[in-house]
Amino acid sequence: MQDLRYIKERQMNTARGEAQFSLYEGTIIFDSQQLTIPVLAAEGVPEILIGLAWLETQRLVVDRKARVLILGED
């Protein structure tokens, strides 16, 4: 993560009920490509969350057996 900028607080539903999330905008460098992604953080939620809206604009391939993750262009 290169940069992280706070945006706002947001109430969201989770599997455990409603939770208060902090929304940030993060800048990452992935395979020499700079990308801006939404980042959500909440007390008691240890997982990293990448927004579905952002993933819908990116190519994502995960092959766990081969230990390969591809994110980006073809």
PDB file of N, CA and C in Angstrom:
ATOM      1  N   MET A   1       0.856  -1.162   0.000  1.00  0.00           N
ATOM      2  CA  MET A   1       0.000   0.000   0.000  1.00  0.00           C
ATOM      3  C   MET A   1       0.901   1.222   0.000  1.00  0.00           C
ATOM      4  N   GLN A   2       0.799   2.038  -1.033  1.00  0.00           N
ATOM      5  CA  GLN A   2       1.591   3.256  -1.159  1.00  0.00           C
ATOM      6  C   GLN A   2       1.020   4.407  -0.341  1.00  0.00           C
ATOM      7  N   ASP A   3      -0.279   4.583  -0.397  1.00  0.00           N
ATOM      8  CA  ASP A   3      -0.917   5.750   0.201  1.00  0.00           C
ATOM      9  C   ASP A   3      -2.312   5.347   0.664  1.00  0.00           C
ATOM     10  N   LEU A   4      -2.768   5.942   1.753  1.00  0.00           N
ATOM     11  CA  LEU A   4      -4.096   5.645   2.268  1.00  0.00           C
ATOM     12  C   LEU A   4      -4.726   6.946   2.734  1.00  0.00           C
ATOM     13  N   ARG A   5      -5.892   7.285   2.153  1.00  0.00           N
ATOM     14  CA  ARG A   5      -6.566   8.548   2.463  1.00  0.00           C
ATOM     15  C   ARG A   5      -7.962   8.252   2.997  1.00  0.00           C
ATOM     16  N   TYR A   6      -8.283   8.823   4.181  1.00  0.00           N
ATOM     17  CA  TYR A   6      -9.594   8.633   4.805  1.00  0.00           C
ATOM     18  C   TYR A   6     -10.671   9.342   3.985  1.00  0.00           C
ATOM     19  N   ILE A   7     -11.818   8.673   3.786  1.00  0.00           N
ATOM     20  CA  ILE A   7     -12.942   9.250   3.043  1.00  0.00           C
ATOM     21  C   ILE A   7     -14.105   9.575   3.992  1.00  0.00           C
ATOM     22  N   LYS A   8     -14.692   8.545   4.650  1.00  0.00           N
ATOM     23  CA  LYS A   8     -15.843   8.775   5.535  1.00  0.00           C
ATOM     24  C   LYS A   8     -16.158   7.514   6.329  1.00  0.00           C
ATOM     25  N   GLU A   9     -17.072   7.648   7.287  1.00  0.00           N
ATOM     26  CA  GLU A   9     -17.622   6.514   8.034  1.00  0.00           C
ATOM     27  C   GLU A   9     -18.853   6.016   7.287  1.00  0.00           C
ATOM     28  N   ARG A  10     -19.102   4.700   7.403  1.00  0.00           N
ATOM     29  CA  ARG A  10     -20.224   4.123   6.672  1.00  0.00           C
ATOM     30  C   ARG A  10     -20.791   2.929   7.447  1.00  0.00           C
ATOM     31  N   GLN A  11     -22.100   2.901   7.648  1.00  0.00           N
ATOM     32  CA  GLN A  11     -22.782   1.781   8.299  1.00  0.00           C
ATOM     33  C   GLN A  11     -23.044   0.720   7.235  1.00  0.00           C
ATOM     34  N   MET A  12     -22.639  -0.540   7.514  1.00  0.00           N
ATOM     35  CA  MET A  12     -22.812  -1.609   6.534  1.00  0.00           C
ATOM     36  C   MET A  12     -23.281  -2.884   7.225  1.00  0.00           C
ATOM     37  N   ASN A  13     -23.953  -3.746   6.456  1.00  0.00           N
ATOM     38  CA  ASN A  13     -24.377  -5.049   6.955  1.00  0.00           C
ATOM     39  C   ASN A  13     -23.253  -6.060   6.768  1.00  0.00           C
ATOM     40  N   THR A  14     -23.059  -6.905   7.773  1.00  0.00           N
ATOM     41  CA  THR A  14     -22.101  -8.002   7.687  1.00  0.00           C
ATOM     42  C   THR A  14     -22.826  -9.287   8.066  1.00  0.00           C
ATOM     43  N   ALA A  15     -22.132 -10.408   8.007  1.00  0.00           N
ATOM     44  CA  ALA A  15     -22.726 -11.684   8.414  1.00  0.00           C
ATOM     45  C   ALA A  15     -23.092 -11.673   9.895  1.00  0.00           C
ATOM     46  N   ARG A  16     -22.436 -10.806  10.675  1.00  0.00           N
ATOM     47  CA  ARG A  16     -22.695 -10.710  12.116  1.00  0.00           C
ATOM     48  C   ARG A  16     -23.630  -9.562  12.471  1.00  0.00           C
ATOM     49  N   GLY A  17     -24.237  -8.930  11.495  1.00  0.00           N
ATOM     50  CA  GLY A  17     -25.117  -7.785  11.748  1.00  0.00           C
ATOM     51  C   GLY A  17     -24.504  -6.498  11.232  1.00  0.00           C
ATOM     52  N   GLU A  18     -25.036  -5.362  11.671  1.00  0.00           N
ATOM     53  CA  GLU A  18     -24.528  -4.069  11.208  1.00  0.00           C
ATOM     54  C   GLU A  18     -23.218  -3.726  11.902  1.00  0.00           C
ATOM     55  N   ALA A  19     -22.349  -3.012  11.168  1.00  0.00           N
ATOM     56  CA  ALA A  19     -21.072  -2.569  11.726  1.00  0.00           C
ATOM     57  C   ALA A  19     -20.726  -1.212  11.137  1.00  0.00           C
ATOM     58  N   GLN A  20     -19.989  -0.431  11.897  1.00  0.00           N
ATOM     59  CA  GLN A  20     -19.513   0.880  11.454  1.00  0.00           C
ATOM     60  C   GLN A  20     -18.148   0.689  10.789  1.00  0.00           C
ATOM     61  N   PHE A  21     -18.036   1.058   9.516  1.00  0.00           N
ATOM     62  CA  PHE A  21     -16.792   0.919   8.770  1.00  0.00           C
ATOM     63  C   PHE A  21     -16.206   2.287   8.462  1.00  0.00           C
ATOM     64  N   SER A  22     -14.895   2.340   8.431  1.00  0.00           N
ATOM     65  CA  SER A  22     -14.183   3.518   7.939  1.00  0.00           C
ATOM     66  C   SER A  22     -13.806   3.228   6.495  1.00  0.00           C
ATOM     67  N   LEU A  23     -14.133   4.145   5.595  1.00  0.00           N
ATOM     68  CA  LEU A  23     -13.830   3.988   4.179  1.00  0.00           C
ATOM     69  C   LEU A  23     -12.603   4.820   3.848  1.00  0.00           C
ATOM     70  N   TYR A  24     -11.630   4.183   3.218  1.00  0.00           N
ATOM     71  CA  TYR A  24     -10.395   4.842   2.793  1.00  0.00           C
ATOM     72  C   TYR A  24     -10.212   4.628   1.301  1.00  0.00           C
ATOM     73  N   GLU A  25      -9.380   5.447   0.695  1.00  0.00           N
ATOM     74  CA  GLU A  25      -8.963   5.255  -0.688  1.00  0.00           C
ATOM     75  C   GLU A  25      -7.476   4.941  -0.642  1.00  0.00           C
ATOM     76  N   GLY A  26      -7.111   3.784  -1.165  1.00  0.00           N
ATOM     77  CA  GLY A  26      -5.718   3.359  -1.116  1.00  0.00           C
ATOM     78  C   GLY A  26      -5.092   3.322  -2.493  1.00  0.00           C
ATOM     79  N   THR A  27      -3.799   3.575  -2.532  1.00  0.00           N
ATOM     80  CA  THR A  27      -3.040   3.479  -3.773  1.00  0.00           C
ATOM     81  C   THR A  27      -2.046   2.338  -3.626  1.00  0.00           C
ATOM     82  N   ILE A  28      -2.101   1.382  -4.559  1.00  0.00           N
ATOM     83  CA  ILE A  28      -1.175   0.259  -4.534  1.00  0.00           C
ATOM     84  C   ILE A  28      -0.431   0.182  -5.858  1.00  0.00           C
ATOM     85  N   ILE A  29       0.734  -0.422  -5.820  1.00  0.00           N
ATOM     86  CA  ILE A  29       1.484  -0.731  -7.035  1.00  0.00           C
ATOM     87  C   ILE A  29       1.431  -2.246  -7.180  1.00  0.00           C
ATOM     88  N   PHE A  30       0.864  -2.712  -8.269  1.00  0.00           N
ATOM     89  CA  PHE A  30       0.734  -4.143  -8.515  1.00  0.00           C
ATOM     90  C   PHE A  30       1.275  -4.431  -9.894  1.00  0.00           C
ATOM     91  N   ASP A  31       2.347  -5.197  -9.964  1.00  0.00           N
ATOM     92  CA  ASP A  31       2.971  -5.548 -11.246  1.00  0.00           C
ATOM     93  C   ASP A  31       3.288  -4.293 -12.055  1.00  0.00           C
ATOM     94  N   SER A  32       3.911  -3.317 -11.400  1.00  0.00           N
ATOM     95  CA  SER A  32       4.334  -2.036 -11.994  1.00  0.00           C
ATOM     96  C   SER A  32       3.173  -1.143 -12.428  1.00  0.00           C
ATOM     97  N   GLN A  33       1.963  -1.474 -12.048  1.00  0.00           N
ATOM     98  CA  GLN A  33       0.790  -0.676 -12.405  1.00  0.00           C
ATOM     99  C   GLN A  33       0.224  -0.042 -11.137  1.00  0.00           C
ATOM    100  N   GLN A  34       0.019   1.281 -11.151  1.00  0.00           N
ATOM    101  CA  GLN A  34      -0.556   1.974  -9.997  1.00  0.00           C
ATOM    102  C   GLN A  34      -2.074   1.905 -10.073  1.00  0.00           C
ATOM    103  N   LEU A  35      -2.690   1.436  -8.975  1.00  0.00           N
ATOM    104  CA  LEU A  35      -4.137   1.280  -8.915  1.00  0.00           C
ATOM    105  C   LEU A  35      -4.674   1.981  -7.675  1.00  0.00           C
ATOM    106  N   THR A  36      -5.862   2.575  -7.792  1.00  0.00           N
ATOM    107  CA  THR A  36      -6.546   3.177  -6.653  1.00  0.00           C
ATOM    108  C   THR A  36      -7.711   2.275  -6.291  1.00  0.00           C
ATOM    109  N   ILE A  37      -7.766   1.856  -5.019  1.00  0.00           N
ATOM    110  CA  ILE A  37      -8.791   0.916  -4.583  1.00  0.00           C
ATOM    111  C   ILE A  37      -9.495   1.423  -3.329  1.00  0.00           C
ATOM    112  N   PRO A  38     -10.782   1.058  -3.142  1.00  0.00           N
ATOM    113  CA  PRO A  38     -11.457   1.363  -1.880  1.00  0.00           C
ATOM    114  C   PRO A  38     -10.989   0.374  -0.813  1.00  0.00           C
ATOM    115  N   VAL A  39     -10.803   0.859   0.403  1.00  0.00           N
ATOM    116  CA  VAL A  39     -10.375   0.020   1.526  1.00  0.00           C
ATOM    117  C   VAL A  39     -11.339   0.255   2.682  1.00  0.00           C
ATOM    118  N   LEU A  40     -11.865  -0.822   3.253  1.00  0.00           N
ATOM    119  CA  LEU A  40     -12.785  -0.731   4.388  1.00  0.00           C
ATOM    120  C   LEU A  40     -12.115  -1.301   5.629  1.00  0.00           C
ATOM    121  N   ALA A  41     -12.309  -0.628   6.762  1.00  0.00           N
ATOM    122  CA  ALA A  41     -11.765  -1.109   8.032  1.00  0.00           C
ATOM    123  C   ALA A  41     -12.835  -0.976   9.104  1.00  0.00           C
ATOM    124  N   ALA A  42     -12.913  -1.986   9.974  1.00  0.00           N
ATOM    125  CA  ALA A  42     -13.876  -1.948  11.080  1.00  0.00           C
ATOM    126  C   ALA A  42     -13.306  -2.703  12.269  1.00  0.00           C
ATOM    127  N   GLU A  43     -13.662  -2.248  13.443  1.00  0.00           N
ATOM    128  CA  GLU A  43     -13.261  -2.922  14.679  1.00  0.00           C
ATOM    129  C   GLU A  43     -13.811  -4.344  14.669  1.00  0.00           C
ATOM    130  N   GLY A  44     -12.967  -5.320  14.928  1.00  0.00           N
ATOM    131  CA  GLY A  44     -13.404  -6.710  15.000  1.00  0.00           C
ATOM    132  C   GLY A  44     -13.523  -7.410  13.664  1.00  0.00           C
ATOM    133  N   VAL A  45     -13.103  -6.776  12.568  1.00  0.00           N
ATOM    134  CA  VAL A  45     -13.123  -7.406  11.243  1.00  0.00           C
ATOM    135  C   VAL A  45     -11.673  -7.477  10.757  1.00  0.00           C
ATOM    136  N   PRO A  46     -10.998  -8.628  10.962  1.00  0.00           N
ATOM    137  CA  PRO A  46      -9.582  -8.726  10.621  1.00  0.00           C
ATOM    138  C   PRO A  46      -9.304  -8.953   9.132  1.00  0.00           C
ATOM    139  N   GLU A  47     -10.320  -9.327   8.359  1.00  0.00           N
ATOM    140  CA  GLU A  47     -10.108  -9.646   6.955  1.00  0.00           C
ATOM    141  C   GLU A  47      -9.882  -8.390   6.124  1.00  0.00           C
ATOM    142  N   ILE A  48      -9.138  -8.541   5.041  1.00  0.00           N
ATOM    143  CA  ILE A  48      -8.961  -7.465   4.071  1.00  0.00           C
ATOM    144  C   ILE A  48     -10.152  -7.517   3.126  1.00  0.00           C
ATOM    145  N   LEU A  49     -10.797  -6.377   2.895  1.00  0.00           N
ATOM    146  CA  LEU A  49     -11.972  -6.314   2.027  1.00  0.00           C
ATOM    147  C   LEU A  49     -11.647  -5.516   0.777  1.00  0.00           C
ATOM    148  N   ILE A  50     -11.842  -6.109  -0.376  1.00  0.00           N
ATOM    149  CA  ILE A  50     -11.677  -5.397  -1.644  1.00  0.00           C
ATOM    150  C   ILE A  50     -13.060  -5.307  -2.257  1.00  0.00           C
ATOM    151  N   GLY A  51     -13.506  -4.114  -2.572  1.00  0.00           N
ATOM    152  CA  GLY A  51     -14.864  -3.888  -3.041  1.00  0.00           C
ATOM    153  C   GLY A  51     -15.187  -4.595  -4.342  1.00  0.00           C
ATOM    154  N   LEU A  52     -16.370  -5.178  -4.403  1.00  0.00           N
ATOM    155  CA  LEU A  52     -16.831  -5.867  -5.599  1.00  0.00           C
ATOM    156  C   LEU A  52     -16.887  -4.924  -6.789  1.00  0.00           C
ATOM    157  N   ALA A  53     -17.315  -3.687  -6.568  1.00  0.00           N
ATOM    158  CA  ALA A  53     -17.388  -2.730  -7.684  1.00  0.00           C
ATOM    159  C   ALA A  53     -16.015  -2.544  -8.323  1.00  0.00           C
ATOM    160  N   TRP A  54     -14.969  -2.504  -7.512  1.00  0.00           N
ATOM    161  CA  TRP A  54     -13.614  -2.350  -8.052  1.00  0.00           C
ATOM    162  C   TRP A  54     -13.192  -3.610  -8.798  1.00  0.00           C
ATOM    163  N   LEU A  55     -13.501  -4.791  -8.242  1.00  0.00           N
ATOM    164  CA  LEU A  55     -13.121  -6.043  -8.899  1.00  0.00           C
ATOM    165  C   LEU A  55     -13.856  -6.250 -10.215  1.00  0.00           C
ATOM    166  N   GLU A  56     -15.048  -5.676 -10.364  1.00  0.00           N
ATOM    167  CA  GLU A  56     -15.783  -5.823 -11.617  1.00  0.00           C
ATOM    168  C   GLU A  56     -15.095  -5.120 -12.778  1.00  0.00           C
ATOM    169  N   THR A  57     -14.179  -4.214 -12.507  1.00  0.00           N
ATOM    170  CA  THR A  57     -13.465  -3.508 -13.577  1.00  0.00           C
ATOM    171  C   THR A  57     -12.078  -4.089 -13.824  1.00  0.00           C
ATOM    172  N   GLN A  58     -11.700  -5.107 -13.069  1.00  0.00           N
ATOM    173  CA  GLN A  58     -10.368  -5.699 -13.173  1.00  0.00           C
ATOM    174  C   GLN A  58     -10.464  -7.172 -13.544  1.00  0.00           C
ATOM    175  N   ARG A  59      -9.429  -7.683 -14.190  1.00  0.00           N
ATOM    176  CA  ARG A  59      -9.329  -9.117 -14.451  1.00  0.00           C
ATOM    177  C   ARG A  59      -8.702  -9.757 -13.214  1.00  0.00           C
ATOM    178  N   LEU A  60      -9.343 -10.787 -12.673  1.00  0.00           N
ATOM    179  CA  LEU A  60      -8.835 -11.484 -11.496  1.00  0.00           C
ATOM    180  C   LEU A  60      -8.834 -12.980 -11.765  1.00  0.00           C
ATOM    181  N   VAL A  61      -7.656 -13.609 -11.656  1.00  0.00           N
ATOM    182  CA  VAL A  61      -7.517 -15.050 -11.821  1.00  0.00           C
ATOM    183  C   VAL A  61      -6.791 -15.583 -10.593  1.00  0.00           C
ATOM    184  N   VAL A  62      -7.389 -16.578  -9.937  1.00  0.00           N
ATOM    185  CA  VAL A  62      -6.764 -17.200  -8.775  1.00  0.00           C
ATOM    186  C   VAL A  62      -6.676 -18.702  -9.032  1.00  0.00           C
ATOM    187  N   ASP A  63      -5.453 -19.224  -9.013  1.00  0.00           N
ATOM    188  CA  ASP A  63      -5.209 -20.661  -9.131  1.00  0.00           C
ATOM    189  C   ASP A  63      -4.430 -21.068  -7.882  1.00  0.00           C
ATOM    190  N   ARG A  64      -5.157 -21.466  -6.847  1.00  0.00           N
ATOM    191  CA  ARG A  64      -4.509 -21.770  -5.554  1.00  0.00           C
ATOM    192  C   ARG A  64      -3.556 -22.951  -5.661  1.00  0.00           C
ATOM    193  N   LYS A  65      -3.916 -23.959  -6.449  1.00  0.00           N
ATOM    194  CA  LYS A  65      -3.054 -25.132  -6.580  1.00  0.00           C
ATOM    195  C   LYS A  65      -1.699 -24.751  -7.171  1.00  0.00           C
ATOM    196  N   ALA A  66      -1.715 -23.880  -8.166  1.00  0.00           N
ATOM    197  CA  ALA A  66      -0.470 -23.431  -8.797  1.00  0.00           C
ATOM    198  C   ALA A  66       0.160 -22.248  -8.063  1.00  0.00           C
ATOM    199  N   ARG A  67      -0.533 -21.735  -7.019  1.00  0.00           N
ATOM    200  CA  ARG A  67      -0.069 -20.577  -6.250  1.00  0.00           C
ATOM    201  C   ARG A  67       0.119 -19.350  -7.145  1.00  0.00           C
ATOM    202  N   VAL A  68      -0.905 -19.107  -8.000  1.00  0.00           N
ATOM    203  CA  VAL A  68      -0.864 -17.992  -8.948  1.00  0.00           C
ATOM    204  C   VAL A  68      -2.045 -17.067  -8.694  1.00  0.00           C
ATOM    205  N   LEU A  69      -1.765 -15.770  -8.660  1.00  0.00           N
ATOM    206  CA  LEU A  69      -2.800 -14.744  -8.580  1.00  0.00           C
ATOM    207  C   LEU A  69      -2.485 -13.709  -9.653  1.00  0.00           C
ATOM    208  N   ILE A  70      -3.437 -13.459 -10.532  1.00  0.00           N
ATOM    209  CA  ILE A  70      -3.269 -12.465 -11.593  1.00  0.00           C
ATOM    210  C   ILE A  70      -4.362 -11.424 -11.421  1.00  0.00           C
ATOM    211  N   LEU A  71      -3.967 -10.177 -11.314  1.00  0.00           N
ATOM    212  CA  LEU A  71      -4.910  -9.077 -11.192  1.00  0.00           C
ATOM    213  C   LEU A  71      -4.490  -8.006 -12.173  1.00  0.00           C
ATOM    214  N   GLY A  72      -5.363  -7.688 -13.117  1.00  0.00           N
ATOM    215  CA  GLY A  72      -5.031  -6.641 -14.075  1.00  0.00           C
ATOM    216  C   GLY A  72      -5.415  -7.021 -15.482  1.00  0.00           C
ATOM    217  N   GLU A  73      -4.661  -6.469 -16.404  1.00  0.00           N
ATOM    218  CA  GLU A  73      -4.969  -6.626 -17.826  1.00  0.00           C
ATOM    219  C   GLU A  73      -4.602  -8.012 -18.329  1.00  0.00           C
ATOM    220  N   ASP A  74      -5.167  -8.380 -19.502  1.00  0.00           N
ATOM    221  CA  ASP A  74      -4.882  -9.690 -20.125  1.00  0.00           C
ATOM    222  C   ASP A  74      -3.430  -9.829 -20.478  1.00  0.00           C
TER     223      ASP A  74
END
